[in-house]
Protein backbone atom coordinates (compact mmCIF):
# COMPACT_ATOMS: atom_id res chain seq x y z
CA UNK A 1 -0.27 -0.20 0.13
CA UNK A 2 1.36 3.46 -0.89
CA UNK A 3 2.07 5.95 1.47
CA UNK A 4 -0.95 8.18 0.25
CA UNK A 5 -3.30 5.14 0.70
CA UNK A 6 -2.30 4.99 4.38
CA UNK A 7 -2.95 8.74 4.76
CA UNK A 8 -6.63 8.08 3.28
CA UNK A 9 -7.39 5.00 5.46
CA UNK A 10 -5.88 6.75 8.52
CA UNK A 11 -8.40 9.66 7.68
CA UNK A 12 -11.44 7.68 7.21
CA UNK A 13 -10.92 5.88 10.48
CA UNK A 14 -10.35 9.56 12.32
CA UNK A 15 -13.61 10.91 10.92
CA UNK A 16 -15.50 7.93 11.68
CA UNK A 17 -14.40 7.62 15.22
CA UNK A 18 -15.31 11.23 15.73
CA UNK A 19 -18.60 10.67 14.06
CA UNK A 20 -19.01 8.03 16.65
CA UNK A 21 -18.06 10.39 19.62
CA UNK A 22 -15.29 8.39 20.93
CA UNK A 23 -12.39 10.70 20.62
CA UNK A 24 -11.96 14.35 19.73
CA UNK A 25 -9.77 14.86 16.90
CA UNK A 26 -5.94 16.21 17.67
CA UNK A 27 -5.13 18.19 14.32
CA UNK A 28 -1.60 18.39 13.80
CA UNK A 29 -0.25 22.00 14.46
CA UNK A 30 1.50 21.98 11.23
CA UNK A 31 -2.02 22.15 9.42
CA UNK A 32 -3.76 24.02 12.09
CA UNK A 33 -5.66 27.24 10.88
CA UNK A 34 -6.00 30.21 13.27
CA UNK A 35 -9.50 31.33 13.31
CA UNK A 36 -10.27 34.78 14.59
CA UNK A 37 -13.75 35.15 16.18
CA UNK A 38 -15.05 38.61 15.99
CA UNK A 39 -16.72 39.65 19.53
CA UNK A 40 -20.53 40.14 19.21
CA UNK A 41 -21.39 43.89 19.72
CA UNK A 42 -23.44 44.71 22.45
CA UNK A 43 -24.86 48.22 22.96
CA UNK A 44 -24.58 49.67 26.53
CA UNK A 45 -27.73 50.35 28.64
CA UNK A 46 -27.53 53.94 28.05
CA UNK A 47 -27.73 53.64 24.27
CA UNK A 48 -30.70 51.24 24.36
CA UNK A 49 -34.03 52.52 23.46
CA UNK A 50 -35.92 53.95 26.25
CA UNK A 51 -39.67 55.40 26.17
CA UNK A 52 -40.41 58.54 24.79
CA UNK A 53 -40.18 61.53 27.37
CA UNK A 54 -43.10 63.67 27.55
CA UNK A 55 -42.94 67.54 27.22
CA UNK A 56 -44.97 69.78 28.80
CA UNK A 57 -45.88 72.90 27.49
CA UNK A 58 -45.40 76.07 29.08
CA UNK A 59 -46.06 79.82 27.96
CA UNK A 60 -42.97 82.02 27.66
CA UNK A 61 -44.12 85.46 29.46
CA UNK A 62 -42.87 88.58 27.68
CA UNK A 63 -39.57 88.83 28.10
CA UNK A 64 -38.82 85.40 29.49
CA UNK A 65 -36.79 84.68 25.91
CA UNK A 66 -33.76 87.27 25.49
CA UNK A 67 -32.72 88.26 22.15
CA UNK A 68 -30.09 87.14 20.85
CA UNK A 69 -30.93 83.65 21.55
CA UNK A 70 -27.68 81.18 21.09
CA UNK A 71 -27.47 77.43 21.02
CA UNK A 72 -31.45 77.10 21.42
CA UNK A 73 -33.32 74.56 19.52
CA UNK A 74 -36.44 76.62 18.03
CA UNK A 75 -39.26 73.98 17.55
CA UNK A 76 -42.65 74.33 15.53
CA UNK A 77 -45.42 71.65 17.00
CA UNK A 78 -49.13 71.26 15.49
CA UNK A 79 -52.05 70.12 16.85
CA UNK A 80 -51.88 66.27 16.01
CA UNK A 81 -55.46 65.66 15.17
CA UNK A 82 -56.38 68.57 12.96
CA UNK A 83 -52.99 68.30 11.42
CA UNK A 84 -53.12 64.40 10.04
CA UNK A 85 -56.44 65.56 8.37
CA UNK A 86 -55.91 67.27 4.75
CA UNK A 87 -57.16 69.55 4.16
CA UNK A 88 -57.98 71.36 7.40
CA UNK A 89 -57.24 74.41 9.46
CA UNK A 90 -54.75 73.68 12.51
CA UNK A 91 -53.29 75.18 15.19
CA UNK A 92 -49.36 75.31 15.60
CA UNK A 93 -46.78 76.85 18.50
CA UNK A 94 -43.31 78.13 17.83
CA UNK A 95 -41.25 77.85 20.77
CA UNK A 96 -38.04 76.60 22.59
CA UNK A 97 -37.27 72.95 23.90
CA UNK A 98 -35.80 72.96 27.40
CA UNK A 99 -34.29 69.63 27.51
CA UNK A 100 -33.17 69.68 31.08
CA UNK A 101 -36.47 70.41 32.42
CA UNK A 102 -38.63 68.52 29.43
CA UNK A 103 -40.41 72.00 28.70
CA UNK A 104 -41.75 73.39 25.53
CA UNK A 105 -41.43 77.45 26.04
CA UNK A 106 -44.15 78.63 23.57
CA UNK A 107 -43.44 82.17 22.40
CA UNK A 108 -45.63 82.12 19.39
CA UNK A 109 -49.36 80.60 18.47
CA UNK A 110 -50.37 80.38 14.68
CA UNK A 111 -53.39 79.75 13.30
CA UNK A 112 -52.94 77.74 10.08
CA UNK A 113 -55.32 77.56 7.00
CA UNK A 114 -54.20 74.78 4.72
CA UNK A 115 -57.01 74.31 1.71
CA UNK A 116 -54.05 72.52 -0.31
CA UNK A 117 -52.07 70.75 2.34
CA UNK A 118 -49.08 72.70 1.70
CA UNK A 119 -48.32 74.67 5.33
CA UNK A 120 -47.08 71.37 6.41
CA UNK A 121 -44.02 72.34 4.49
CA UNK A 122 -42.06 74.67 6.78
CA UNK A 123 -38.79 75.85 7.12
CA UNK A 124 -37.33 78.11 10.17
CA UNK A 125 -34.14 79.90 8.96
CA UNK A 126 -32.32 81.78 11.68
CA UNK A 127 -30.31 85.08 11.25
CA UNK A 128 -26.45 84.56 12.04
CA UNK A 129 -26.68 86.86 14.59
CA UNK A 130 -29.30 84.78 16.67
CA UNK A 131 -31.92 87.95 16.91
CA UNK A 132 -34.75 86.72 14.38
CA UNK A 133 -35.67 84.38 11.84
CA UNK A 134 -37.90 83.58 8.79
CA UNK A 135 -40.84 81.18 9.20
CA UNK A 136 -41.10 79.88 5.56
CA UNK A 137 -44.16 77.87 4.88
CA UNK A 138 -45.89 76.44 1.81
CA UNK A 139 -44.80 74.86 -1.31
CA UNK A 140 -43.87 75.91 -4.90
CA UNK A 141 -47.17 77.65 -5.87
CA UNK A 142 -47.62 79.76 -2.94
CA UNK A 143 -44.87 80.18 -0.02
CA UNK A 144 -45.34 82.63 2.74
CA UNK A 145 -42.34 84.41 4.41
CA UNK A 146 -42.74 85.83 7.97
CA UNK A 147 -39.68 87.17 10.16
CA UNK A 148 -39.98 86.72 13.90
CA UNK A 149 -38.11 87.95 16.53
CA UNK A 150 -36.08 85.49 18.72
CA UNK A 151 -38.57 86.18 21.25
CA UNK A 152 -41.39 85.16 18.99
CA UNK A 153 -42.65 88.57 18.29
CA UNK A 154 -43.79 89.11 14.84
CA UNK A 155 -41.71 91.68 13.01
CA UNK A 156 -42.83 91.45 8.98
CA UNK A 157 -44.74 89.22 6.69
CA UNK A 158 -43.08 89.62 3.75
CA UNK A 159 -45.61 88.00 1.50
CA UNK A 160 -46.45 84.95 -0.54
CA UNK A 161 -44.30 83.87 -3.49
CA UNK A 162 -43.78 81.30 -5.80
CA UNK A 163 -40.73 78.90 -6.00
CA UNK A 164 -39.19 80.70 -3.11
CA UNK A 165 -36.22 80.37 -0.85
CA UNK A 166 -34.43 82.71 1.57
CA UNK A 167 -31.16 83.36 3.25
CA UNK A 168 -29.33 85.81 5.21
CA UNK A 169 -26.21 87.72 4.79
CA UNK A 170 -23.32 86.54 6.86
CA UNK A 171 -23.67 89.54 9.45
CA UNK A 172 -27.48 88.98 9.70
CA UNK A 173 -28.07 92.48 8.32
CA UNK A 174 -29.65 91.41 4.95
CA UNK A 175 -32.13 88.97 3.84
CA UNK A 176 -32.02 87.94 0.09
CA UNK A 177 -35.41 86.31 -0.96
CA UNK A 178 -35.59 84.06 -4.24
CA UNK A 179 -38.75 84.35 -6.18
CA UNK A 180 -40.35 82.89 -9.24
CA UNK A 181 -42.14 85.45 -11.37
CA UNK A 182 -44.25 84.87 -14.68
CA UNK A 183 -45.68 81.58 -16.12
CA UNK A 184 -45.14 78.65 -14.36
CA UNK A 185 -43.73 77.13 -17.75
CA UNK A 186 -41.02 79.41 -18.21
CA UNK A 187 -40.42 81.43 -15.07
CA UNK A 188 -37.74 83.91 -14.30
CA UNK A 189 -36.27 84.49 -10.95
CA UNK A 190 -35.89 87.32 -9.05
CA UNK A 191 -33.46 88.11 -5.89
CA UNK A 192 -34.93 90.69 -3.63
CA UNK A 193 -32.51 91.97 -1.04
CA UNK A 194 -34.53 93.41 2.09
CA UNK A 195 -32.90 95.43 4.88
CA UNK A 196 -33.18 93.56 8.15
CA UNK A 197 -33.84 96.77 10.49
CA UNK A 198 -36.52 98.40 8.25
CA UNK A 199 -37.89 95.60 6.02
CA UNK A 200 -37.51 97.79 2.86
CA UNK A 201 -36.38 96.42 -0.23
CA UNK A 202 -32.52 97.49 -1.11
CA UNK A 203 -32.52 96.08 -4.50
CA UNK A 204 -33.84 93.56 -7.38
CA UNK A 205 -31.74 91.57 -9.24
CA UNK A 206 -33.32 89.35 -12.01
CA UNK A 207 -32.49 86.42 -14.08
CA UNK A 208 -34.48 84.89 -16.94
CA UNK A 209 -34.45 83.16 -20.29
CA UNK A 210 -33.40 86.22 -22.07
CA UNK A 211 -36.61 85.67 -24.36
CA UNK A 212 -39.40 86.62 -22.55
CA UNK A 213 -38.27 88.45 -19.49
CA UNK A 214 -35.56 91.53 -19.45
CA UNK A 215 -32.75 90.31 -17.28
CA UNK A 216 -30.12 92.07 -15.69
CA UNK A 217 -29.48 94.75 -12.64
CA UNK A 218 -26.68 94.95 -10.04
CA UNK A 219 -26.66 95.51 -6.32
CA UNK A 220 -23.80 95.67 -3.77
CA UNK A 221 -24.71 95.50 -0.44
CA UNK A 222 -22.23 96.33 2.36
CA UNK A 223 -21.78 94.34 5.39
CA UNK A 224 -20.67 95.47 8.93
CA UNK A 225 -17.14 94.02 8.66
CA UNK A 226 -16.37 96.17 5.59
CA UNK A 227 -16.80 93.44 3.10
CA UNK A 228 -19.96 93.64 0.39
CA UNK A 229 -22.61 90.82 -1.01
CA UNK A 230 -22.45 91.42 -4.81
CA UNK A 231 -25.17 90.71 -7.05
CA UNK A 232 -25.52 90.71 -10.67
CA UNK A 233 -28.15 89.46 -12.95
CA UNK A 234 -27.22 88.08 -16.64
CA UNK A 235 -28.42 84.62 -17.77
CA UNK A 236 -28.17 83.62 -14.25
CA UNK A 237 -27.62 85.62 -10.95
CA UNK A 238 -24.16 85.79 -9.79
CA UNK A 239 -23.46 86.30 -5.96
CA UNK A 240 -20.60 86.40 -3.95
CA UNK A 241 -18.80 88.08 -1.03
CA UNK A 242 -16.11 90.73 -1.87
CA UNK A 243 -13.35 91.34 0.47
CA UNK A 244 -13.26 94.90 0.12
CA UNK A 245 -16.43 97.14 -0.22
CA UNK A 246 -14.84 100.06 -1.95
CA UNK A 247 -13.27 97.67 -4.86
CA UNK A 248 -16.33 95.24 -5.32
CA UNK A 249 -17.06 94.34 -7.86
CA UNK A 250 -13.83 92.93 -8.70
CA UNK A 251 -11.19 90.57 -8.78
CA UNK A 252 -11.23 90.08 -4.86
CA UNK A 253 -14.65 88.04 -4.67
CA UNK A 254 -14.17 85.69 -1.94
CA UNK A 255 -16.69 82.99 -2.58
CA UNK A 256 -20.19 82.46 -4.30
CA UNK A 257 -23.05 82.34 -1.65
CA UNK A 258 -26.86 81.46 -1.77
CA UNK A 259 -27.91 78.30 -0.10
CA UNK A 260 -31.85 78.32 0.11
CA UNK A 261 -32.47 75.09 1.81
CA UNK A 262 -29.63 74.39 4.04
CA UNK A 263 -28.63 77.49 5.87
CA UNK A 264 -28.50 75.66 9.09
CA UNK A 265 -26.64 75.70 12.69
CA UNK A 266 -25.37 72.82 14.76
CA UNK A 267 -25.49 72.73 18.74
CA UNK A 268 -22.02 71.91 20.15
CA UNK A 269 -23.50 69.35 22.40
CA UNK A 270 -26.69 67.95 21.02
CA UNK A 271 -27.95 66.46 17.73
CA UNK A 272 -31.59 66.71 16.83
CA UNK A 273 -33.76 65.24 14.24
CA UNK A 274 -37.47 64.51 13.67
CA UNK A 275 -38.49 60.74 13.99
CA UNK A 276 -42.46 59.97 12.98
CA UNK A 277 -42.89 63.62 14.51
CA UNK A 278 -41.38 62.80 17.61
CA UNK A 279 -37.91 64.77 18.61
CA UNK A 280 -35.26 62.50 18.95
CA UNK A 281 -31.97 64.38 20.56
CA UNK A 282 -28.40 62.71 21.24
CA UNK A 283 -26.29 64.12 23.70
CA UNK A 284 -22.74 64.05 22.71
CA UNK A 285 -21.24 64.16 26.25
CA UNK A 286 -23.08 61.43 27.68
CA UNK A 287 -23.58 59.20 24.80
CA UNK A 288 -27.34 59.26 25.06
CA UNK A 289 -30.35 59.30 22.66
CA UNK A 290 -33.42 60.32 24.18
CA UNK A 291 -37.03 60.71 22.54
CA UNK A 292 -39.24 63.58 23.62
CA UNK A 293 -42.79 63.95 22.43
CA UNK A 294 -45.34 66.81 22.91
CA UNK A 295 -48.57 65.00 23.95
CA UNK A 296 -51.16 65.81 21.47
CA UNK A 297 -48.93 67.52 19.08
CA UNK A 298 -46.89 66.78 16.00
CA UNK A 299 -43.28 68.13 16.07
CA UNK A 300 -43.20 69.22 12.34
CA UNK A 301 -39.84 71.65 12.14
CA UNK A 302 -36.52 72.24 13.90
CA UNK A 303 -33.41 74.54 14.03
CA UNK A 304 -31.02 75.40 16.23
CA UNK A 305 -30.13 79.09 16.88
CA UNK A 306 -26.39 80.28 15.99
CA UNK A 307 -23.85 79.58 18.80
């Protein structure tokens, strides 16, 4: 019998013996294969889901919220039963979430008329200095802009627009609103600059397709730090921040500006998001995520005020 034949017979006997449960196989060291067993990850108790924490609504008395507001979570919450019906009229509140005391400090009550179910789409757009914010509601055909002070007092309704968005200049001195004008099939775009103190229009720069609408216009808006925002209408609207107001426009433009859907701020410690109309907050210091609910309400929009 050959040497290889002896190996095959020995191997067969070993397998048979093992299957019979008589002995445990001993694998020679030279043929052993190291196996690394990955540890099964287990969440710590602090990371496990917990029951939702109810938030109590409290009215903010005049002067309870001081302007400017920094590092606070602004929330829009709407009455659940009416909000879930479409179309319907429903009631909403604007306020700040006090995570330490599980309070929702209401600073403004809003009655919504929503025949086309469009007011459910809202944005809260903070001014970089934390003194005021834009309440943007609606969708495409009719978008309303209302400016509120940080304490919830209404400062200025800017009107309803088509295809609209808004953003602040870096110092919060001006608000630039993008609006669609003309027929829906071939709309032109206008950029209107508002003075955030008087809420008067500073200038309007237009952009169109060059066939139906007259395009053009130029606007230079000075900033508090000596720089300037430059807007120029051609086939598109050019927007940039200039280093030096005196030489704007010129070759010294720092960067383009103009984000209409994502001018947001983050909290240093907390991360917040909406999950199924509840508020989910992660505390980066403790590593704990908690869910908060305002009984009888839907949390529909959130925005951190600037740090």
